C-alpha atoms as a PDB file:
ATOM      1  CA  UNK A   1     -54.137  62.001  20.181  1.00  0.00           C
ATOM      2  CA  UNK A   2     -54.298  58.755  19.159  1.00  0.00           C
ATOM      3  CA  UNK A   3     -54.842  57.796  15.464  1.00  0.00           C
ATOM      4  CA  UNK A   4     -57.926  56.615  13.881  1.00  0.00           C
ATOM      5  CA  UNK A   5     -56.994  52.895  13.844  1.00  0.00           C
ATOM      6  CA  UNK A   6     -56.734  53.090  17.625  1.00  0.00           C
ATOM      7  CA  UNK A   7     -59.945  54.795  18.096  1.00  0.00           C
ATOM      8  CA  UNK A   8     -61.631  52.101  15.923  1.00  0.00           C
ATOM      9  CA  UNK A   9     -60.112  49.587  17.737  1.00  0.00           C
ATOM     10  CA  UNK A  10     -61.082  50.760  21.658  1.00  0.00           C
ATOM     11  CA  UNK A  11     -64.713  51.545  19.846  1.00  0.00           C
ATOM     12  CA  UNK A  12     -65.086  47.941  18.771  1.00  0.00           C
ATOM     13  CA  UNK A  13     -63.743  46.771  22.134  1.00  0.00           C
ATOM     14  CA  UNK A  14     -66.087  49.073  24.281  1.00  0.00           C
ATOM     15  CA  UNK A  15     -69.043  47.999  22.186  1.00  0.00           C
ATOM     16  CA  UNK A  16     -68.239  44.596  22.799  1.00  0.00           C
ATOM     17  CA  UNK A  17     -67.639  44.804  26.272  1.00  0.00           C
ATOM     18  CA  UNK A  18     -70.947  46.318  27.041  1.00  0.00           C
ATOM     19  CA  UNK A  19     -72.801  44.297  25.212  1.00  0.00           C
ATOM     20  CA  UNK A  20     -71.361  41.375  26.851  1.00  0.00           C
ATOM     21  CA  UNK A  21     -72.142  43.067  29.948  1.00  0.00           C
ATOM     22  CA  UNK A  22     -75.567  44.004  29.076  1.00  0.00           C
ATOM     23  CA  UNK A  23     -76.594  40.192  28.155  1.00  0.00           C
ATOM     24  CA  UNK A  24     -74.843  38.868  31.588  1.00  0.00           C
ATOM     25  CA  UNK A  25     -76.860  41.443  33.619  1.00  0.00           C
ATOM     26  CA  UNK A  26     -80.269  41.241  31.660  1.00  0.00           C
ATOM     27  CA  UNK A  27     -80.901  38.190  30.185  1.00  0.00           C
ATOM     28  CA  UNK A  28     -81.751  36.504  33.641  1.00  0.00           C
ATOM     29  CA  UNK A  29     -84.175  39.279  34.403  1.00  0.00           C
ATOM     30  CA  UNK A  30     -85.880  39.034  30.975  1.00  0.00           C
ATOM     31  CA  UNK A  31     -86.053  35.206  31.095  1.00  0.00           C
ATOM     32  CA  UNK A  32     -86.952  34.923  34.609  1.00  0.00           C
ATOM     33  CA  UNK A  33     -88.790  37.696  36.360  1.00  0.00           C
ATOM     34  CA  UNK A  34     -91.138  39.035  33.623  1.00  0.00           C
ATOM     35  CA  UNK A  35     -94.676  38.255  34.319  1.00  0.00           C
ATOM     36  CA  UNK A  36     -95.418  35.379  32.160  1.00  0.00           C
ATOM     37  CA  UNK A  37     -99.220  36.174  32.065  1.00  0.00           C
ATOM     38  CA  UNK A  38     -98.883  39.283  29.854  1.00  0.00           C
ATOM     39  CA  UNK A  39     -97.992  36.913  26.556  1.00  0.00           C
ATOM     40  CA  UNK A  40     -97.567  33.338  27.541  1.00  0.00           C
ATOM     41  CA  UNK A  41     -94.991  31.468  28.533  1.00  0.00           C
ATOM     42  CA  UNK A  42     -94.468  29.882  25.210  1.00  0.00           C
ATOM     43  CA  UNK A  43     -94.083  33.342  23.243  1.00  0.00           C
ATOM     44  CA  UNK A  44     -92.348  34.856  26.340  1.00  0.00           C
ATOM     45  CA  UNK A  45     -89.753  32.286  26.097  1.00  0.00           C
ATOM     46  CA  UNK A  46     -89.639  32.330  22.350  1.00  0.00           C
ATOM     47  CA  UNK A  47     -89.061  36.316  22.377  1.00  0.00           C
ATOM     48  CA  UNK A  48     -86.404  35.919  25.204  1.00  0.00           C
ATOM     49  CA  UNK A  49     -84.326  33.447  23.468  1.00  0.00           C
ATOM     50  CA  UNK A  50     -84.648  35.194  19.894  1.00  0.00           C
ATOM     51  CA  UNK A  51     -83.389  38.747  21.421  1.00  0.00           C
ATOM     52  CA  UNK A  52     -80.914  36.984  23.547  1.00  0.00           C
ATOM     53  CA  UNK A  53     -79.779  34.942  20.189  1.00  0.00           C
ATOM     54  CA  UNK A  54     -79.513  38.595  18.336  1.00  0.00           C
ATOM     55  CA  UNK A  55     -77.520  40.165  21.132  1.00  0.00           C
ATOM     56  CA  UNK A  56     -74.998  37.575  20.859  1.00  0.00           C
ATOM     57  CA  UNK A  57     -74.844  37.468  17.160  1.00  0.00           C
ATOM     58  CA  UNK A  58     -74.237  41.143  17.815  1.00  0.00           C
ATOM     59  CA  UNK A  59     -71.052  40.253  20.215  1.00  0.00           C
ATOM     60  CA  UNK A  60     -69.964  37.714  17.667  1.00  0.00           C
ATOM     61  CA  UNK A  61     -69.662  40.201  14.961  1.00  0.00           C
ATOM     62  CA  UNK A  62     -68.101  43.022  17.230  1.00  0.00           C
ATOM     63  CA  UNK A  63     -65.611  40.286  18.339  1.00  0.00           C
ATOM     64  CA  UNK A  64     -64.858  38.910  14.877  1.00  0.00           C
ATOM     65  CA  UNK A  65     -64.501  42.696  13.387  1.00  0.00           C
ATOM     66  CA  UNK A  66     -61.999  43.653  16.006  1.00  0.00           C
ATOM     67  CA  UNK A  67     -59.867  40.338  15.435  1.00  0.00           C
ATOM     68  CA  UNK A  68     -59.674  41.352  11.547  1.00  0.00           C
ATOM     69  CA  UNK A  69     -59.078  45.088  12.490  1.00  0.00           C
ATOM     70  CA  UNK A  70     -55.929  44.010  14.759  1.00  0.00           C
ATOM     71  CA  UNK A  71     -54.763  41.869  11.771  1.00  0.00           C
ATOM     72  CA  UNK A  72     -55.105  44.539   9.406  1.00  0.00           C
ATOM     73  CA  UNK A  73     -53.572  47.204  11.711  1.00  0.00           C
ATOM     74  CA  UNK A  74     -51.372  45.787  14.171  1.00  0.00           C
ATOM     75  CA  UNK A  75     -48.314  47.994  13.477  1.00  0.00           C
ATOM     76  CA  UNK A  76     -50.565  51.301  13.819  1.00  0.00           C
ATOM     77  CA  UNK A  77     -52.190  50.056  17.031  1.00  0.00           C
ATOM     78  CA  UNK A  78     -50.715  51.311  20.732  1.00  0.00           C
ATOM     79  CA  UNK A  79     -50.794  48.950  22.889  1.00  0.00           C
ATOM     80  CA  UNK A  80     -49.758  49.024  26.780  1.00  0.00           C
ATOM     81  CA  UNK A  81     -46.247  47.658  26.837  1.00  0.00           C
ATOM     82  CA  UNK A  82     -45.640  44.147  27.988  1.00  0.00           C
ATOM     83  CA  UNK A  83     -43.498  44.662  31.276  1.00  0.00           C
ATOM     84  CA  UNK A  84     -42.267  41.102  31.206  1.00  0.00           C
ATOM     85  CA  UNK A  85     -42.061  37.480  30.034  1.00  0.00           C
ATOM     86  CA  UNK A  86     -44.844  36.582  32.553  1.00  0.00           C
ATOM     87  CA  UNK A  87     -47.055  39.431  31.964  1.00  0.00           C
ATOM     88  CA  UNK A  88     -47.156  38.313  28.164  1.00  0.00           C
ATOM     89  CA  UNK A  89     -48.348  34.836  29.297  1.00  0.00           C
ATOM     90  CA  UNK A  90     -50.984  36.374  31.724  1.00  0.00           C
ATOM     91  CA  UNK A  91     -51.888  38.477  28.509  1.00  0.00           C
ATOM     92  CA  UNK A  92     -52.050  35.539  26.282  1.00  0.00           C
ATOM     93  CA  UNK A  93     -54.054  33.531  29.161  1.00  0.00           C
ATOM     94  CA  UNK A  94     -56.634  36.154  29.705  1.00  0.00           C
ATOM     95  CA  UNK A  95     -57.526  36.962  26.048  1.00  0.00           C
ATOM     96  CA  UNK A  96     -57.244  33.244  24.871  1.00  0.00           C
ATOM     97  CA  UNK A  97     -59.846  32.387  27.777  1.00  0.00           C
ATOM     98  CA  UNK A  98     -62.463  35.127  26.414  1.00  0.00           C
ATOM     99  CA  UNK A  99     -62.359  33.662  23.288  1.00  0.00           C
ATOM    100  CA  UNK A 100     -62.698  30.090  24.392  1.00  0.00           C
ATOM    101  CA  UNK A 101     -65.358  31.192  26.477  1.00  0.00           C
ATOM    102  CA  UNK A 102     -67.240  32.857  23.876  1.00  0.00           C
ATOM    103  CA  UNK A 103     -66.966  30.071  21.679  1.00  0.00           C
ATOM    104  CA  UNK A 104     -68.289  27.849  23.872  1.00  0.00           C
ATOM    105  CA  UNK A 105     -71.175  29.824  24.948  1.00  0.00           C
ATOM    106  CA  UNK A 106     -72.132  30.426  21.187  1.00  0.00           C
ATOM    107  CA  UNK A 107     -71.709  26.784  20.709  1.00  0.00           C
ATOM    108  CA  UNK A 108     -73.932  25.593  23.773  1.00  0.00           C
ATOM    109  CA  UNK A 109     -76.361  28.599  23.084  1.00  0.00           C
ATOM    110  CA  UNK A 110     -77.048  26.859  19.402  1.00  0.00           C
ATOM    111  CA  UNK A 111     -77.399  23.601  21.140  1.00  0.00           C
ATOM    112  CA  UNK A 112     -79.728  25.050  23.727  1.00  0.00           C
ATOM    113  CA  UNK A 113     -81.944  27.126  20.822  1.00  0.00           C
ATOM    114  CA  UNK A 114     -82.219  23.782  18.504  1.00  0.00           C
ATOM    115  CA  UNK A 115     -83.751  21.957  21.198  1.00  0.00           C
ATOM    116  CA  UNK A 116     -85.503  24.666  22.953  1.00  0.00           C
ATOM    117  CA  UNK A 117     -88.905  23.331  22.403  1.00  0.00           C
ATOM    118  CA  UNK A 118     -90.181  26.418  20.692  1.00  0.00           C
ATOM    119  CA  UNK A 119     -90.132  27.769  17.470  1.00  0.00           C
ATOM    120  CA  UNK A 120     -87.099  30.146  16.878  1.00  0.00           C
ATOM    121  CA  UNK A 121     -86.769  32.462  14.376  1.00  0.00           C
ATOM    122  CA  UNK A 122     -83.748  34.541  13.193  1.00  0.00           C
ATOM    123  CA  UNK A 123     -83.795  37.088  10.091  1.00  0.00           C
ATOM    124  CA  UNK A 124     -86.822  35.043   8.800  1.00  0.00           C
ATOM    125  CA  UNK A 125     -85.045  31.512   9.321  1.00  0.00           C
ATOM    126  CA  UNK A 126     -86.458  28.954  11.470  1.00  0.00           C
ATOM    127  CA  UNK A 127     -83.553  27.591  13.367  1.00  0.00           C
ATOM    128  CA  UNK A 128     -85.774  25.211  15.786  1.00  0.00           C
ATOM    129  CA  UNK A 129     -89.473  24.133  15.671  1.00  0.00           C
ATOM    130  CA  UNK A 130     -91.585  23.407  18.950  1.00  0.00           C
ATOM    131  CA  UNK A 131     -91.158  19.550  18.325  1.00  0.00           C
ATOM    132  CA  UNK A 132     -89.845  18.117  21.571  1.00  0.00           C
ATOM    133  CA  UNK A 133     -86.311  17.337  21.457  1.00  0.00           C
ATOM    134  CA  UNK A 134     -83.753  15.568  23.512  1.00  0.00           C
ATOM    135  CA  UNK A 135     -84.283  17.226  27.234  1.00  0.00           C
ATOM    136  CA  UNK A 136     -81.415  15.453  28.564  1.00  0.00           C
ATOM    137  CA  UNK A 137     -79.142  17.239  25.934  1.00  0.00           C
ATOM    138  CA  UNK A 138     -80.757  20.563  26.057  1.00  0.00           C
ATOM    139  CA  UNK A 139     -80.062  20.562  30.382  1.00  0.00           C
ATOM    140  CA  UNK A 140     -76.160  19.477  29.719  1.00  0.00           C
ATOM    141  CA  UNK A 141     -75.839  22.154  27.239  1.00  0.00           C
ATOM    142  CA  UNK A 142     -77.788  24.868  29.812  1.00  0.00           C
ATOM    143  CA  UNK A 143     -75.176  23.319  32.671  1.00  0.00           C
ATOM    144  CA  UNK A 144     -71.991  23.957  30.339  1.00  0.00           C
ATOM    145  CA  UNK A 145     -73.756  27.546  29.372  1.00  0.00           C
ATOM    146  CA  UNK A 146     -74.368  28.338  33.110  1.00  0.00           C
ATOM    147  CA  UNK A 147     -70.641  27.233  33.675  1.00  0.00           C
ATOM    148  CA  UNK A 148     -69.064  29.374  31.037  1.00  0.00           C
ATOM    149  CA  UNK A 149     -71.164  32.341  32.376  1.00  0.00           C
ATOM    150  CA  UNK A 150     -69.501  32.266  35.948  1.00  0.00           C
ATOM    151  CA  UNK A 151     -66.335  31.505  34.356  1.00  0.00           C
ATOM    152  CA  UNK A 152     -66.505  34.594  32.205  1.00  0.00           C
ATOM    153  CA  UNK A 153     -66.969  36.994  35.158  1.00  0.00           C
ATOM    154  CA  UNK A 154     -63.953  35.700  36.689  1.00  0.00           C
ATOM    155  CA  UNK A 155     -62.144  36.295  33.477  1.00  0.00           C
ATOM    156  CA  UNK A 156     -63.493  39.605  32.894  1.00  0.00           C
ATOM    157  CA  UNK A 157     -62.544  40.442  36.788  1.00  0.00           C
ATOM    158  CA  UNK A 158     -58.808  38.977  36.024  1.00  0.00           C
ATOM    159  CA  UNK A 159     -58.682  41.325  32.744  1.00  0.00           C
ATOM    160  CA  UNK A 160     -59.760  44.297  35.091  1.00  0.00           C
ATOM    161  CA  UNK A 161     -57.472  43.826  37.829  1.00  0.00           C
ATOM    162  CA  UNK A 162     -54.636  43.391  35.333  1.00  0.00           C
ATOM    163  CA  UNK A 163     -55.444  46.377  33.407  1.00  0.00           C
ATOM    164  CA  UNK A 164     -55.394  48.229  36.540  1.00  0.00           C
ATOM    165  CA  UNK A 165     -52.000  46.713  37.473  1.00  0.00           C
ATOM    166  CA  UNK A 166     -50.323  47.222  34.006  1.00  0.00           C
ATOM    167  CA  UNK A 167     -51.475  51.321  34.448  1.00  0.00           C
ATOM    168  CA  UNK A 168     -50.232  51.598  37.759  1.00  0.00           C
END
């Protein structure tokens, strides 16, 4: 049986992976297909953004915890053996891509939340107000955010194919 450090590492990995997939697949449905007449457009948008931000904070916490865990117990974690120098480079590119994309999503998400034109509260702290902000900045952040989401799907696919190939 694998050691407890490996089990914690895998648990953090899969919780983060499932939460990322849930956010990617659920948020457009939550934001775009719910009947706005139930709560009104403003309240619905406010709750959708707040829910999205809380889930993203959960992903951030899981990823950060896993990075710290890996640094603390790197000698005790069993990993798939690296087969060549090219394999090692591809692994670094994919993992670096994940971290860069997730960081970009956080930055653009915060930029949009601050300029969302609705009141955003997280843990009782107000992050934005309903005062009209810079609509061009919001649109730019949204474009980058959506591009990063598309890129994240490709990196997830590359990661999946890479794992299958390495375990053949």
